[in-house]
Amino acid sequence: IISVCYPSIVLYFSKRFRILTKPSFQYKTFGRHRPQVTRQSSPPESTMSSSRIEYSEKYADEENEYRHVILPKELAKELPKHRLLSESEWRRIGVQQSRGWQHYAIHRPEPHILLFRRPLGTDPQTGQIDPELKRLALEEYKGQFGLRGN
């Protein structure tokens, strides 16, 4: 990390010069003595990260509806690399969705993107498949793609 001093502010650049941020500390001087560094209080990291989680719109095929969730990369570094997350695990890291969603795949080039699916007709409050909701969802899917007679 390289620091550059400007009047009354210290700016930090990442190694690749992509990130430009103010540091999380201030210098306080006392007469002729050396400056002392004091930390500023900041919200917990998990709160900040969960507020930066992005959710896609839902998309569907004839059997399931899908969505993907984009996690901040610093949060994704803490996740297991070679297995899918259980519902309690993805809820614990701050992902908020209705019931019935299942983490079904890992996209290796972008492990910070979680891929979710649930069967068409899933009741969002119970997580159970409702046959009437499934029929309506399938009709809507077929109507969007002009497949009514099939």
Protein backbone atom coordinates (compact mmCIF):
# COMPACT_ATOMS: atom_id res chain seq x y z
CA ILE A 1 0.00 0.00 0.00
CA ILE A 2 1.30 3.42 -0.95
CA SER A 3 0.26 6.50 0.98
CA VAL A 4 0.20 10.00 -0.47
CA CYS A 5 -0.08 13.00 1.85
CA TYR A 6 -2.14 16.04 0.95
CA PRO A 7 -2.98 18.92 3.27
CA SER A 8 -5.10 17.57 6.14
CA ILE A 9 -5.82 14.21 4.47
CA VAL A 10 -3.95 11.01 3.80
CA LEU A 11 -5.01 9.00 0.76
CA TYR A 12 -4.23 5.32 0.30
CA PHE A 13 -3.89 3.52 -3.02
CA SER A 14 -4.06 -0.23 -3.42
CA LYS A 15 -1.19 -2.06 -5.10
CA ARG A 16 -2.97 -1.84 -8.41
CA PHE A 17 -4.05 1.79 -7.94
CA ARG A 18 -7.74 0.95 -8.24
CA ILE A 19 -8.99 1.87 -4.79
CA LEU A 20 -8.73 5.37 -3.38
CA THR A 21 -10.02 5.74 0.16
CA LYS A 22 -9.56 7.78 3.28
CA PRO A 23 -7.86 5.86 6.07
CA SER A 24 -9.82 4.78 9.12
CA PHE A 25 -7.62 6.76 11.50
CA GLN A 26 -6.69 10.36 12.26
CA TYR A 27 -3.46 11.95 13.35
CA LYS A 28 -3.54 14.04 16.51
CA THR A 29 -0.60 16.25 17.36
CA PHE A 30 0.33 17.50 20.82
CA GLY A 31 2.79 20.40 20.69
CA ARG A 32 6.20 19.30 19.43
CA HIS A 33 5.59 15.61 20.11
CA ARG A 34 5.16 13.00 17.44
CA PRO A 35 1.60 12.52 16.16
CA GLN A 36 -0.46 9.79 17.77
CA VAL A 37 -2.72 7.59 15.68
CA THR A 38 -6.28 7.13 16.90
CA ARG A 39 -8.80 4.78 15.28
CA GLN A 40 -12.21 6.06 14.28
CA SER A 41 -15.14 3.88 15.17
CA SER A 42 -16.80 2.25 12.17
CA PRO A 43 -19.78 -0.08 11.79
CA PRO A 44 -19.04 -3.79 12.05
CA GLU A 45 -17.68 -5.30 8.84
CA SER A 46 -20.53 -7.84 8.55
CA THR A 47 -23.14 -5.04 8.62
CA MET A 48 -21.30 -3.09 5.94
CA SER A 49 -20.86 -6.17 3.76
CA SER A 50 -24.45 -7.37 4.03
CA SER A 51 -25.71 -3.95 2.98
CA ARG A 52 -23.61 -4.26 -0.20
CA ILE A 53 -25.09 -7.62 -1.28
CA GLU A 54 -26.76 -7.35 -4.70
CA TYR A 55 -29.71 -9.49 -5.84
CA SER A 56 -30.64 -10.24 -9.44
CA GLU A 57 -34.15 -10.32 -10.82
CA LYS A 58 -35.70 -13.79 -10.93
CA TYR A 59 -35.58 -15.77 -14.16
CA ALA A 60 -37.12 -19.17 -14.92
CA ASP A 61 -37.28 -22.26 -17.08
CA GLU A 62 -40.02 -24.93 -17.21
CA GLU A 63 -39.07 -26.42 -13.84
CA ASN A 64 -37.33 -23.82 -11.66
CA GLU A 65 -36.98 -20.15 -11.00
CA TYR A 66 -33.47 -18.79 -10.52
CA ARG A 67 -31.64 -15.82 -9.15
CA HIS A 68 -28.05 -14.94 -8.43
CA VAL A 69 -26.66 -13.03 -5.49
CA ILE A 70 -23.46 -11.00 -5.75
CA LEU A 71 -21.46 -10.81 -2.53
CA PRO A 72 -18.77 -8.24 -1.75
CA LYS A 73 -15.46 -9.95 -2.57
CA GLU A 74 -14.09 -9.51 0.96
CA LEU A 75 -17.10 -11.39 2.33
CA ALA A 76 -16.78 -14.13 -0.29
CA LYS A 77 -13.18 -14.82 0.77
CA GLU A 78 -14.49 -16.21 4.07
CA LEU A 79 -16.81 -18.77 2.41
CA PRO A 80 -16.00 -22.45 1.85
CA LYS A 81 -14.51 -22.84 -1.62
CA HIS A 82 -15.47 -26.38 -2.65
CA ARG A 83 -18.99 -26.99 -1.39
CA LEU A 84 -22.48 -25.51 -1.56
CA LEU A 85 -23.89 -23.48 1.32
CA SER A 86 -26.81 -24.63 3.44
CA GLU A 87 -29.68 -22.21 4.01
CA SER A 88 -28.49 -21.41 7.53
CA GLU A 89 -24.99 -20.60 6.20
CA TRP A 90 -26.08 -18.21 3.48
CA ARG A 91 -28.54 -16.52 5.82
CA ARG A 92 -25.77 -16.14 8.44
CA ILE A 93 -23.59 -14.16 6.02
CA GLY A 94 -26.46 -11.73 5.35
CA VAL A 95 -28.25 -13.07 2.25
CA GLN A 96 -31.97 -12.31 2.64
CA GLN A 97 -34.52 -14.14 0.48
CA SER A 98 -37.89 -15.78 0.89
CA ARG A 99 -38.09 -19.48 1.75
CA GLY A 100 -37.41 -22.33 -0.63
CA TRP A 101 -34.22 -21.08 -2.30
CA GLN A 102 -31.34 -23.54 -2.65
CA HIS A 103 -27.70 -22.73 -3.41
CA TYR A 104 -27.22 -25.11 -6.35
CA ALA A 105 -23.95 -24.27 -8.12
CA ILE A 106 -20.55 -22.61 -7.78
CA HIS A 107 -19.35 -20.56 -10.72
CA ARG A 108 -15.58 -21.09 -10.35
CA PRO A 109 -14.43 -17.95 -12.22
CA GLU A 110 -16.58 -15.78 -9.92
CA PRO A 111 -17.00 -17.48 -6.52
CA HIS A 112 -18.47 -14.29 -5.04
CA ILE A 113 -21.63 -14.90 -7.12
CA LEU A 114 -24.00 -17.39 -5.47
CA LEU A 115 -26.45 -19.19 -7.78
CA PHE A 116 -29.87 -20.05 -6.32
CA ARG A 117 -32.90 -21.93 -7.59
CA ARG A 118 -36.26 -23.15 -6.35
CA PRO A 119 -39.03 -25.16 -8.02
CA LEU A 120 -41.76 -23.22 -9.81
CA GLY A 121 -44.80 -22.80 -7.59
CA THR A 122 -42.88 -22.57 -4.31
CA ASP A 123 -44.80 -20.66 -1.65
CA PRO A 124 -42.38 -17.90 -0.54
CA GLN A 125 -43.66 -17.99 3.05
CA THR A 126 -43.54 -21.73 3.67
CA GLY A 127 -40.96 -22.92 1.12
CA GLN A 128 -43.34 -25.72 0.09
CA ILE A 129 -44.52 -26.35 -3.48
CA ASP A 130 -48.15 -25.40 -4.02
CA PRO A 131 -49.62 -27.23 -7.08
CA GLU A 132 -51.87 -24.27 -7.97
CA LEU A 133 -48.99 -21.78 -7.77
CA LYS A 134 -46.90 -24.16 -9.90
CA ARG A 135 -49.62 -24.34 -12.57
CA LEU A 136 -49.94 -20.53 -12.64
CA ALA A 137 -46.16 -20.03 -12.77
CA LEU A 138 -45.81 -22.53 -15.63
CA GLU A 139 -48.61 -20.81 -17.57
CA GLU A 140 -46.89 -17.45 -17.07
CA TYR A 141 -43.56 -18.90 -18.23
CA LYS A 142 -45.14 -20.41 -21.35
CA GLY A 143 -46.98 -17.14 -22.06
CA GLN A 144 -43.76 -15.15 -21.94
CA PHE A 145 -42.18 -17.33 -24.62
CA GLY A 146 -45.25 -18.06 -26.74
CA LEU A 147 -45.47 -21.73 -25.74
CA ARG A 148 -49.17 -21.76 -24.73
CA GLY A 149 -50.20 -24.77 -26.83
CA ASN A 150 -47.22 -26.95 -25.82
